[in-house]
Amino acid sequence: GIPIGIFMSRSDRLQSMVNPVLDVMQTIPSFVYLIPVVMLLGIGKVPGLIAVCIYAIPPIVRLTNLGIRLVDKEVLEASESFGASYSQKLFGVQIPLALPNIFAGVNQTIMMALAMVVIASMIGVKGLGVPVLRAVSNQYLALGMLNGLAIVALAIIFDRISQSFGKRMQKHLESAHGV
């Protein structure tokens, strides 16, 4: 998702082509992702993983694109005046300044992937979604709530880890570049 977001930030034309696709991807109900994947690949882990990835990728693409586009033009001009090449501007200026947005996208992608685990369990993916699916189908309220809370706890843990990693990465880049 990050490379697609970087390419989108480079081209308004590409952005105008990819944005409608991302809009559709974000508005389609999560169950619908299973239909073409199961038709093409059958039931199992790989189709479930593909469905989860397709469902979860729009936020990272959008927020990477947004973060790079929001880098101040004056900062880019300053880097150009010091003779920075295209890759030096991208990796030394734009990506470090876009990190808060990029990590927000990573965070949202993780949350959306976790939201899809129960649905992916419907096509044979083993994991935290299976006990929730069993509890729902057998009307075991307590078991469903317990397993649902386990997924929520995991989401909170991943959220905190990704946020702290993003903050640590930004502090490291600020100290390394003297920003």
N, C-alpha and C. Protein backbone atom coordinates (compact mmCIF):
# COMPACT_ATOMS: atom_id res chain seq x y z
N GLY A 1 0.79 -1.19 0.00
CA GLY A 1 0.00 0.00 0.00
C GLY A 1 0.84 1.27 0.00
N ILE A 2 1.96 1.23 0.72
CA ILE A 2 2.81 2.43 0.79
C ILE A 2 3.38 2.78 -0.58
N PRO A 3 3.91 1.81 -1.35
CA PRO A 3 4.41 2.17 -2.69
C PRO A 3 3.31 2.75 -3.60
N ILE A 4 2.11 2.21 -3.52
CA ILE A 4 1.01 2.73 -4.34
C ILE A 4 0.71 4.17 -3.93
N GLY A 5 0.70 4.44 -2.62
CA GLY A 5 0.48 5.80 -2.14
C GLY A 5 1.57 6.76 -2.60
N ILE A 6 2.81 6.28 -2.63
CA ILE A 6 3.92 7.12 -3.11
C ILE A 6 3.73 7.44 -4.59
N PHE A 7 3.40 6.42 -5.39
CA PHE A 7 3.17 6.66 -6.82
C PHE A 7 1.99 7.61 -7.04
N MET A 8 0.94 7.46 -6.23
CA MET A 8 -0.22 8.36 -6.35
C MET A 8 0.16 9.80 -6.05
N SER A 9 1.05 9.99 -5.09
CA SER A 9 1.45 11.36 -4.73
C SER A 9 2.27 12.01 -5.83
N ARG A 10 2.84 11.22 -6.70
CA ARG A 10 3.66 11.73 -7.79
C ARG A 10 2.83 12.13 -9.02
N SER A 11 1.62 11.59 -9.14
CA SER A 11 0.86 11.79 -10.36
C SER A 11 -0.61 12.08 -10.05
N ASP A 12 -1.06 13.26 -10.44
CA ASP A 12 -2.48 13.59 -10.26
C ASP A 12 -3.35 12.67 -11.11
N ARG A 13 -2.84 12.31 -12.27
CA ARG A 13 -3.60 11.41 -13.16
C ARG A 13 -3.78 10.04 -12.51
N LEU A 14 -2.71 9.50 -11.95
CA LEU A 14 -2.81 8.21 -11.27
C LEU A 14 -3.74 8.31 -10.07
N GLN A 15 -3.65 9.41 -9.34
CA GLN A 15 -4.53 9.60 -8.20
C GLN A 15 -5.99 9.63 -8.64
N SER A 16 -6.27 10.31 -9.75
CA SER A 16 -7.65 10.37 -10.22
C SER A 16 -8.15 9.02 -10.70
N MET A 17 -7.25 8.12 -11.08
CA MET A 17 -7.66 6.77 -11.49
C MET A 17 -7.80 5.84 -10.29
N VAL A 18 -6.92 5.96 -9.31
CA VAL A 18 -6.91 5.04 -8.17
C VAL A 18 -7.97 5.42 -7.12
N ASN A 19 -8.22 6.70 -6.92
CA ASN A 19 -9.18 7.12 -5.90
C ASN A 19 -10.57 6.50 -6.06
N PRO A 20 -11.15 6.45 -7.27
CA PRO A 20 -12.45 5.78 -7.39
C PRO A 20 -12.40 4.30 -7.02
N VAL A 21 -11.29 3.65 -7.35
CA VAL A 21 -11.14 2.23 -6.98
C VAL A 21 -11.11 2.10 -5.46
N LEU A 22 -10.37 2.98 -4.79
CA LEU A 22 -10.31 2.96 -3.33
C LEU A 22 -11.67 3.27 -2.73
N ASP A 23 -12.40 4.20 -3.35
CA ASP A 23 -13.75 4.53 -2.87
C ASP A 23 -14.64 3.29 -2.91
N VAL A 24 -14.60 2.57 -4.02
CA VAL A 24 -15.41 1.35 -4.15
C VAL A 24 -14.96 0.31 -3.13
N MET A 25 -13.64 0.15 -2.99
CA MET A 25 -13.12 -0.84 -2.04
C MET A 25 -13.57 -0.55 -0.61
N GLN A 26 -13.67 0.74 -0.27
CA GLN A 26 -14.04 1.09 1.10
C GLN A 26 -15.54 1.06 1.34
N THR A 27 -16.34 1.08 0.29
CA THR A 27 -17.79 1.07 0.50
C THR A 27 -18.42 -0.31 0.31
N ILE A 28 -17.70 -1.23 -0.29
CA ILE A 28 -18.23 -2.58 -0.46
C ILE A 28 -18.28 -3.27 0.90
N PRO A 29 -19.39 -3.92 1.23
CA PRO A 29 -19.45 -4.68 2.49
C PRO A 29 -18.38 -5.77 2.53
N SER A 30 -17.87 -6.03 3.70
CA SER A 30 -16.74 -6.95 3.83
C SER A 30 -17.05 -8.36 3.34
N PHE A 31 -18.29 -8.81 3.47
CA PHE A 31 -18.64 -10.15 2.98
C PHE A 31 -18.45 -10.28 1.47
N VAL A 32 -18.66 -9.20 0.77
CA VAL A 32 -18.59 -9.23 -0.69
C VAL A 32 -17.18 -9.55 -1.18
N TYR A 33 -16.17 -9.22 -0.39
CA TYR A 33 -14.79 -9.53 -0.78
C TYR A 33 -14.56 -11.03 -0.90
N LEU A 34 -15.34 -11.80 -0.17
CA LEU A 34 -15.15 -13.25 -0.20
C LEU A 34 -15.61 -13.88 -1.51
N ILE A 35 -16.61 -13.30 -2.16
CA ILE A 35 -17.22 -13.92 -3.33
C ILE A 35 -16.22 -14.15 -4.47
N PRO A 36 -15.57 -13.10 -5.00
CA PRO A 36 -14.65 -13.36 -6.12
C PRO A 36 -13.43 -14.18 -5.70
N VAL A 37 -12.96 -13.97 -4.48
CA VAL A 37 -11.78 -14.70 -4.03
C VAL A 37 -12.08 -16.19 -3.92
N VAL A 38 -13.24 -16.54 -3.36
CA VAL A 38 -13.62 -17.95 -3.23
C VAL A 38 -13.89 -18.54 -4.61
N MET A 39 -14.51 -17.77 -5.51
CA MET A 39 -14.78 -18.28 -6.85
C MET A 39 -13.48 -18.58 -7.60
N LEU A 40 -12.48 -17.74 -7.43
CA LEU A 40 -11.22 -17.92 -8.15
C LEU A 40 -10.27 -18.90 -7.47
N LEU A 41 -10.23 -18.89 -6.15
CA LEU A 41 -9.20 -19.66 -5.44
C LEU A 41 -9.75 -20.74 -4.52
N GLY A 42 -11.05 -20.80 -4.35
CA GLY A 42 -11.62 -21.81 -3.46
C GLY A 42 -11.60 -21.36 -2.01
N ILE A 43 -11.72 -22.35 -1.13
CA ILE A 43 -11.79 -22.08 0.31
C ILE A 43 -10.45 -22.43 0.93
N GLY A 44 -10.00 -21.61 1.88
CA GLY A 44 -8.75 -21.89 2.57
C GLY A 44 -8.06 -20.64 3.07
N LYS A 45 -6.82 -20.84 3.50
CA LYS A 45 -6.05 -19.74 4.09
C LYS A 45 -5.69 -18.66 3.08
N VAL A 46 -5.22 -19.07 1.91
CA VAL A 46 -4.77 -18.09 0.91
C VAL A 46 -5.90 -17.18 0.45
N PRO A 47 -7.07 -17.71 0.09
CA PRO A 47 -8.17 -16.80 -0.28
C PRO A 47 -8.56 -15.87 0.87
N GLY A 48 -8.54 -16.38 2.09
CA GLY A 48 -8.86 -15.53 3.24
C GLY A 48 -7.86 -14.42 3.42
N LEU A 49 -6.58 -14.75 3.27
CA LEU A 49 -5.53 -13.73 3.39
C LEU A 49 -5.66 -12.68 2.30
N ILE A 50 -5.95 -13.11 1.09
CA ILE A 50 -6.12 -12.16 -0.02
C ILE A 50 -7.32 -11.24 0.25
N ALA A 51 -8.43 -11.80 0.71
CA ALA A 51 -9.62 -10.99 1.00
C ALA A 51 -9.32 -9.97 2.10
N VAL A 52 -8.60 -10.39 3.13
CA VAL A 52 -8.24 -9.48 4.22
C VAL A 52 -7.35 -8.35 3.70
N CYS A 53 -6.36 -8.69 2.88
CA CYS A 53 -5.45 -7.67 2.35
C CYS A 53 -6.18 -6.67 1.46
N ILE A 54 -7.05 -7.17 0.60
CA ILE A 54 -7.80 -6.27 -0.28
C ILE A 54 -8.70 -5.35 0.54
N TYR A 55 -9.33 -5.91 1.55
CA TYR A 55 -10.23 -5.13 2.40
C TYR A 55 -9.47 -4.06 3.19
N ALA A 56 -8.27 -4.39 3.64
CA ALA A 56 -7.56 -3.52 4.58
C ALA A 56 -6.62 -2.51 3.92
N ILE A 57 -6.35 -2.62 2.64
CA ILE A 57 -5.31 -1.80 2.03
C ILE A 57 -5.68 -0.33 1.74
N PRO A 58 -6.93 0.04 1.50
CA PRO A 58 -7.21 1.44 1.15
C PRO A 58 -6.69 2.50 2.13
N PRO A 59 -6.78 2.33 3.45
CA PRO A 59 -6.29 3.41 4.32
C PRO A 59 -4.80 3.71 4.17
N ILE A 60 -3.98 2.69 4.03
CA ILE A 60 -2.55 2.94 3.92
C ILE A 60 -2.22 3.63 2.61
N VAL A 61 -2.93 3.28 1.55
CA VAL A 61 -2.70 3.93 0.26
C VAL A 61 -3.10 5.40 0.35
N ARG A 62 -4.30 5.66 0.85
CA ARG A 62 -4.80 7.03 0.93
C ARG A 62 -3.94 7.91 1.84
N LEU A 63 -3.58 7.39 3.01
CA LEU A 63 -2.85 8.22 3.97
C LEU A 63 -1.39 8.42 3.58
N THR A 64 -0.79 7.47 2.88
CA THR A 64 0.56 7.68 2.36
C THR A 64 0.54 8.78 1.31
N ASN A 65 -0.40 8.69 0.39
CA ASN A 65 -0.56 9.71 -0.64
C ASN A 65 -0.77 11.08 0.00
N LEU A 66 -1.69 11.15 0.95
CA LEU A 66 -1.99 12.41 1.62
C LEU A 66 -0.77 12.97 2.35
N GLY A 67 -0.08 12.11 3.09
CA GLY A 67 1.09 12.56 3.85
C GLY A 67 2.17 13.16 2.97
N ILE A 68 2.44 12.52 1.85
CA ILE A 68 3.49 13.03 0.95
C ILE A 68 3.03 14.31 0.26
N ARG A 69 1.76 14.37 -0.10
CA ARG A 69 1.24 15.59 -0.74
C ARG A 69 1.20 16.77 0.23
N LEU A 70 1.09 16.50 1.53
CA LEU A 70 1.03 17.58 2.52
C LEU A 70 2.39 18.13 2.92
N VAL A 71 3.46 17.53 2.43
CA VAL A 71 4.79 18.06 2.74
C VAL A 71 4.89 19.47 2.16
N ASP A 72 5.33 20.38 2.98
CA ASP A 72 5.39 21.80 2.61
C ASP A 72 6.25 21.99 1.36
N LYS A 73 5.73 22.73 0.41
CA LYS A 73 6.45 22.99 -0.86
C LYS A 73 7.75 23.75 -0.62
N GLU A 74 7.76 24.60 0.39
CA GLU A 74 8.98 25.36 0.69
C GLU A 74 10.10 24.43 1.16
N VAL A 75 9.73 23.39 1.90
CA VAL A 75 10.74 22.42 2.34
C VAL A 75 11.30 21.68 1.14
N LEU A 76 10.43 21.32 0.20
CA LEU A 76 10.89 20.64 -1.02
C LEU A 76 11.79 21.56 -1.85
N GLU A 77 11.43 22.83 -1.94
CA GLU A 77 12.27 23.79 -2.67
C GLU A 77 13.63 23.93 -2.00
N ALA A 78 13.64 23.94 -0.68
CA ALA A 78 14.92 24.04 0.03
C ALA A 78 15.79 22.83 -0.25
N SER A 79 15.20 21.64 -0.26
CA SER A 79 15.99 20.44 -0.55
C SER A 79 16.50 20.46 -1.98
N GLU A 80 15.69 20.99 -2.91
CA GLU A 80 16.14 21.10 -4.30
C GLU A 80 17.28 22.12 -4.43
N SER A 81 17.19 23.20 -3.68
CA SER A 81 18.24 24.22 -3.77
C SER A 81 19.57 23.71 -3.22
N PHE A 82 19.51 22.72 -2.35
CA PHE A 82 20.74 22.10 -1.85
C PHE A 82 21.19 20.95 -2.73
N GLY A 83 20.50 20.75 -3.85
CA GLY A 83 20.93 19.75 -4.83
C GLY A 83 20.46 18.33 -4.55
N ALA A 84 19.37 18.18 -3.82
CA ALA A 84 18.87 16.84 -3.52
C ALA A 84 18.30 16.20 -4.78
N SER A 85 18.63 14.94 -4.98
CA SER A 85 18.07 14.19 -6.10
C SER A 85 16.64 13.78 -5.77
N TYR A 86 15.97 13.20 -6.76
CA TYR A 86 14.59 12.75 -6.56
C TYR A 86 14.50 11.77 -5.39
N SER A 87 15.38 10.78 -5.36
CA SER A 87 15.32 9.78 -4.28
C SER A 87 15.72 10.38 -2.94
N GLN A 88 16.65 11.32 -2.94
CA GLN A 88 17.02 11.98 -1.69
C GLN A 88 15.86 12.80 -1.14
N LYS A 89 15.13 13.47 -2.02
CA LYS A 89 13.95 14.22 -1.57
C LYS A 89 12.89 13.27 -1.02
N LEU A 90 12.67 12.16 -1.72
CA LEU A 90 11.64 11.22 -1.30
C LEU A 90 11.98 10.59 0.04
N PHE A 91 13.18 10.00 0.14
CA PHE A 91 13.53 9.24 1.35
C PHE A 91 14.10 10.11 2.47
N GLY A 92 14.64 11.27 2.13
CA GLY A 92 15.23 12.12 3.16
C GLY A 92 14.34 13.24 3.64
N VAL A 93 13.32 13.60 2.83
CA VAL A 93 12.47 14.73 3.20
C VAL A 93 11.00 14.31 3.27
N GLN A 94 10.47 13.83 2.15
CA GLN A 94 9.02 13.61 2.08
C GLN A 94 8.54 12.47 2.98
N ILE A 95 9.17 11.32 2.90
CA ILE A 95 8.71 10.19 3.73
C ILE A 95 8.89 10.50 5.22
N PRO A 96 10.04 11.03 5.65
CA PRO A 96 10.13 11.35 7.09
C PRO A 96 9.06 12.35 7.56
N LEU A 97 8.75 13.35 6.74
CA LEU A 97 7.74 14.32 7.13
C LEU A 97 6.33 13.76 7.03
N ALA A 98 6.16 12.73 6.21
CA ALA A 98 4.84 12.11 6.04
C ALA A 98 4.62 10.95 7.02
N LEU A 99 5.61 10.62 7.83
CA LEU A 99 5.49 9.47 8.73
C LEU A 99 4.26 9.47 9.63
N PRO A 100 3.85 10.59 10.20
CA PRO A 100 2.63 10.53 11.03
C PRO A 100 1.42 10.03 10.24
N ASN A 101 1.28 10.51 9.00
CA ASN A 101 0.16 10.05 8.18
C ASN A 101 0.34 8.60 7.75
N ILE A 102 1.56 8.23 7.40
CA ILE A 102 1.82 6.86 6.97
C ILE A 102 1.52 5.89 8.11
N PHE A 103 1.95 6.23 9.32
CA PHE A 103 1.68 5.33 10.45
C PHE A 103 0.21 5.33 10.85
N ALA A 104 -0.49 6.43 10.61
CA ALA A 104 -1.94 6.40 10.81
C ALA A 104 -2.57 5.42 9.83
N GLY A 105 -2.06 5.39 8.61
CA GLY A 105 -2.55 4.42 7.62
C GLY A 105 -2.22 2.99 8.01
N VAL A 106 -1.01 2.77 8.51
CA VAL A 106 -0.63 1.43 8.98
C VAL A 106 -1.57 1.00 10.10
N ASN A 107 -1.81 1.91 11.02
CA ASN A 107 -2.69 1.63 12.15
C ASN A 107 -4.09 1.27 11.67
N GLN A 108 -4.64 2.05 10.76
CA GLN A 108 -5.98 1.78 10.25
C GLN A 108 -6.03 0.47 9.47
N THR A 109 -4.97 0.16 8.75
CA THR A 109 -4.90 -1.10 8.01
C THR A 109 -4.92 -2.28 8.97
N ILE A 110 -4.18 -2.18 10.06
CA ILE A 110 -4.18 -3.25 11.06
C ILE A 110 -5.57 -3.42 11.66
N MET A 111 -6.22 -2.31 11.98
CA MET A 111 -7.56 -2.39 12.57
C MET A 111 -8.56 -3.01 11.59
N MET A 112 -8.47 -2.65 10.33
CA MET A 112 -9.40 -3.21 9.35
C MET A 112 -9.13 -4.69 9.11
N ALA A 113 -7.86 -5.09 9.15
CA ALA A 113 -7.54 -6.51 9.00
C ALA A 113 -8.11 -7.31 10.16
N LEU A 114 -8.00 -6.77 11.36
CA LEU A 114 -8.57 -7.47 12.52
C LEU A 114 -10.09 -7.52 12.45
N ALA A 115 -10.69 -6.50 11.87
CA ALA A 115 -12.15 -6.51 11.73
C ALA A 115 -12.60 -7.59 10.77
N MET A 116 -11.72 -8.02 9.90
CA MET A 116 -12.08 -9.00 8.87
C MET A 116 -11.83 -10.44 9.32
N VAL A 117 -11.22 -10.68 10.49
CA VAL A 117 -10.85 -12.05 10.86
C VAL A 117 -12.05 -12.96 11.04
N VAL A 118 -13.14 -12.47 11.57
CA VAL A 118 -14.33 -13.31 11.75
C VAL A 118 -14.91 -13.68 10.39
N ILE A 119 -14.94 -12.72 9.49
CA ILE A 119 -15.49 -12.98 8.16
C ILE A 119 -14.59 -13.94 7.39
N ALA A 120 -13.28 -13.79 7.53
CA ALA A 120 -12.35 -14.70 6.86
C ALA A 120 -12.48 -16.12 7.40
N SER A 121 -12.88 -16.26 8.65
CA SER A 121 -13.04 -17.61 9.20
C SER A 121 -14.18 -18.37 8.52
N MET A 122 -15.06 -17.67 7.85
CA MET A 122 -16.15 -18.32 7.13
C MET A 122 -15.66 -19.13 5.94
N ILE A 123 -14.48 -18.82 5.45
CA ILE A 123 -13.96 -19.57 4.30
C ILE A 123 -12.75 -20.42 4.67
N GLY A 124 -12.65 -20.76 5.93
CA GLY A 124 -11.66 -21.73 6.34
C GLY A 124 -10.38 -21.19 6.93
N VAL A 125 -10.29 -19.91 7.19
CA VAL A 125 -9.09 -19.36 7.80
C VAL A 125 -9.17 -19.61 9.31
N LYS A 126 -8.17 -20.27 9.84
CA LYS A 126 -8.13 -20.55 11.27
C LYS A 126 -7.59 -19.33 12.00
N GLY A 127 -8.03 -19.15 13.23
CA GLY A 127 -7.55 -18.03 14.02
C GLY A 127 -8.61 -17.56 14.99
N LEU A 128 -8.49 -16.31 15.41
CA LEU A 128 -9.41 -15.76 16.41
C LEU A 128 -10.84 -15.67 15.91
N GLY A 129 -11.04 -15.64 14.63
CA GLY A 129 -12.39 -15.53 14.10
C GLY A 129 -13.21 -16.79 14.24
N VAL A 130 -12.57 -17.95 14.28
CA VAL A 130 -13.29 -19.23 14.34
C VAL A 130 -14.12 -19.35 15.61
N PRO A 131 -13.57 -19.10 16.81
CA PRO A 131 -14.41 -19.21 18.00
C PRO A 131 -15.58 -18.22 18.01
N VAL A 132 -15.37 -17.04 17.47
CA VAL A 132 -16.47 -16.07 17.41
C VAL A 132 -17.55 -16.58 16.46
N LEU A 133 -17.15 -17.10 15.32
CA LEU A 133 -18.11 -17.63 14.36
C LEU A 133 -18.89 -18.80 14.95
N ARG A 134 -18.19 -19.70 15.64
CA ARG A 134 -18.87 -20.83 16.29
C ARG A 134 -19.86 -20.34 17.34
N ALA A 135 -19.45 -19.37 18.13
CA ALA A 135 -20.33 -18.84 19.18
C ALA A 135 -21.58 -18.20 18.58
N VAL A 136 -21.41 -17.49 17.50
CA VAL A 136 -22.56 -16.85 16.85
C VAL A 136 -23.50 -17.90 16.26
N SER A 137 -22.93 -18.89 15.59
CA SER A 137 -23.78 -19.90 14.95
C SER A 137 -24.47 -20.80 15.96
N ASN A 138 -23.89 -20.98 17.14
CA ASN A 138 -24.51 -21.82 18.18
C ASN A 138 -25.19 -21.01 19.28
N GLN A 139 -25.23 -19.70 19.12
CA GLN A 139 -25.86 -18.79 20.07
C GLN A 139 -25.28 -18.89 21.48
N TYR A 140 -23.95 -18.97 21.56
CA TYR A 140 -23.25 -18.95 22.85
C TYR A 140 -22.80 -17.51 23.11
N LEU A 141 -23.64 -16.75 23.77
CA LEU A 141 -23.39 -15.33 23.97
C LEU A 141 -22.09 -15.07 24.74
N ALA A 142 -21.89 -15.76 25.84
CA ALA A 142 -20.70 -15.52 26.68
C ALA A 142 -19.42 -15.84 25.92
N LEU A 143 -19.40 -16.96 25.21
CA LEU A 143 -18.22 -17.35 24.44
C LEU A 143 -17.95 -16.34 23.32
N GLY A 144 -19.01 -15.90 22.66
CA GLY A 144 -18.86 -14.90 21.60
C GLY A 144 -18.31 -13.59 22.13
N MET A 145 -18.83 -13.16 23.28
CA MET A 145 -18.36 -11.91 23.87
C MET A 145 -16.89 -12.03 24.30
N LEU A 146 -16.55 -13.15 24.91
CA LEU A 146 -15.18 -13.35 25.37
C LEU A 146 -14.20 -13.33 24.20
N ASN A 147 -14.52 -14.05 23.14
CA ASN A 147 -13.63 -14.08 21.98
C ASN A 147 -13.63 -12.74 21.24
N GLY A 148 -14.77 -12.07 21.21
CA GLY A 148 -14.82 -10.74 20.62
C GLY A 148 -13.96 -9.76 21.40
N LEU A 149 -14.00 -9.86 22.73
CA LEU A 149 -13.14 -9.00 23.56
C LEU A 149 -11.67 -9.32 23.36
N ALA A 150 -11.35 -10.58 23.08
CA ALA A 150 -9.95 -10.94 22.79
C ALA A 150 -9.48 -10.24 21.52
N ILE A 151 -10.35 -10.18 20.52
CA ILE A 151 -9.99 -9.48 19.28
C ILE A 151 -9.84 -7.99 19.55
N VAL A 152 -10.72 -7.42 20.35
CA VAL A 152 -10.62 -6.00 20.71
C VAL A 152 -9.32 -5.73 21.47
N ALA A 153 -8.98 -6.61 22.42
CA ALA A 153 -7.73 -6.44 23.18
C ALA A 153 -6.52 -6.50 22.25
N LEU A 154 -6.55 -7.43 21.32
CA LEU A 154 -5.47 -7.54 20.35
C LEU A 154 -5.38 -6.28 19.49
N ALA A 155 -6.51 -5.75 19.10
CA ALA A 155 -6.53 -4.52 18.30
C ALA A 155 -5.94 -3.35 19.10
N ILE A 156 -6.28 -3.26 20.37
CA ILE A 156 -5.74 -2.19 21.21
C ILE A 156 -4.24 -2.34 21.37
N ILE A 157 -3.77 -3.55 21.58
CA ILE A 157 -2.33 -3.80 21.71
C ILE A 157 -1.61 -3.41 20.42
N PHE A 158 -2.11 -3.86 19.27
CA PHE A 158 -1.50 -3.50 17.99
C PHE A 158 -1.53 -2.00 17.76
N ASP A 159 -2.61 -1.36 18.16
CA ASP A 159 -2.75 0.09 18.03
C ASP A 159 -1.66 0.80 18.82
N ARG A 160 -1.47 0.41 20.06
CA ARG A 160 -0.46 1.05 20.90
C ARG A 160 0.95 0.78 20.38
N ILE A 161 1.19 -0.45 19.93
CA ILE A 161 2.52 -0.78 19.41
C ILE A 161 2.83 0.04 18.16
N SER A 162 1.87 0.11 17.23
CA SER A 162 2.12 0.85 15.99
C SER A 162 2.27 2.35 16.27
N GLN A 163 1.50 2.88 17.20
CA GLN A 163 1.64 4.30 17.55
C GLN A 163 2.99 4.59 18.18
N SER A 164 3.41 3.74 19.11
CA SER A 164 4.70 3.98 19.77
C SER A 164 5.86 3.80 18.78
N PHE A 165 5.73 2.83 17.87
CA PHE A 165 6.77 2.65 16.86
C PHE A 165 6.86 3.87 15.95
N GLY A 166 5.71 4.40 15.55
CA GLY A 166 5.68 5.59 14.71
C GLY A 166 6.29 6.79 15.40
N LYS A 167 5.97 6.98 16.68
CA LYS A 167 6.53 8.10 17.43
C LYS A 167 8.04 7.94 17.60
N ARG A 168 8.47 6.71 17.89
CA ARG A 168 9.90 6.45 18.06
C ARG A 168 10.64 6.68 16.75
N MET A 169 10.05 6.24 15.65
CA MET A 169 10.67 6.42 14.34
C MET A 169 10.79 7.90 14.00
N GLN A 170 9.75 8.66 14.31
CA GLN A 170 9.78 10.09 14.01
C GLN A 170 10.82 10.80 14.88
N LYS A 171 10.90 10.45 16.16
CA LYS A 171 11.92 11.06 17.03
C LYS A 171 13.32 10.73 16.54
N HIS A 172 13.51 9.48 16.10
CA HIS A 172 14.81 9.07 15.58
C HIS A 172 15.18 9.90 14.34
N LEU A 173 14.22 10.05 13.43
CA LEU A 173 14.49 10.82 12.22
C LEU A 173 14.73 12.29 12.53
N GLU A 174 13.99 12.83 13.50
CA GLU A 174 14.18 14.23 13.88
C GLU A 174 15.57 14.44 14.47
N SER A 175 16.02 13.52 15.31
CA SER A 175 17.34 13.66 15.91
C SER A 175 18.45 13.42 14.88
N ALA A 176 18.21 12.52 13.94
CA ALA A 176 19.22 12.22 12.93
C ALA A 176 19.36 13.37 11.93
N HIS A 177 18.25 14.03 11.61
CA HIS A 177 18.28 15.10 10.61
C HIS A 177 18.30 16.48 11.24
N GLY A 178 18.22 16.55 12.57
CA GLY A 178 18.26 17.83 13.25
C GLY A 178 17.04 18.70 12.99
N VAL A 179 15.89 18.06 12.81
CA VAL A 179 14.65 18.81 12.54
C VAL A 179 14.11 19.37 13.82
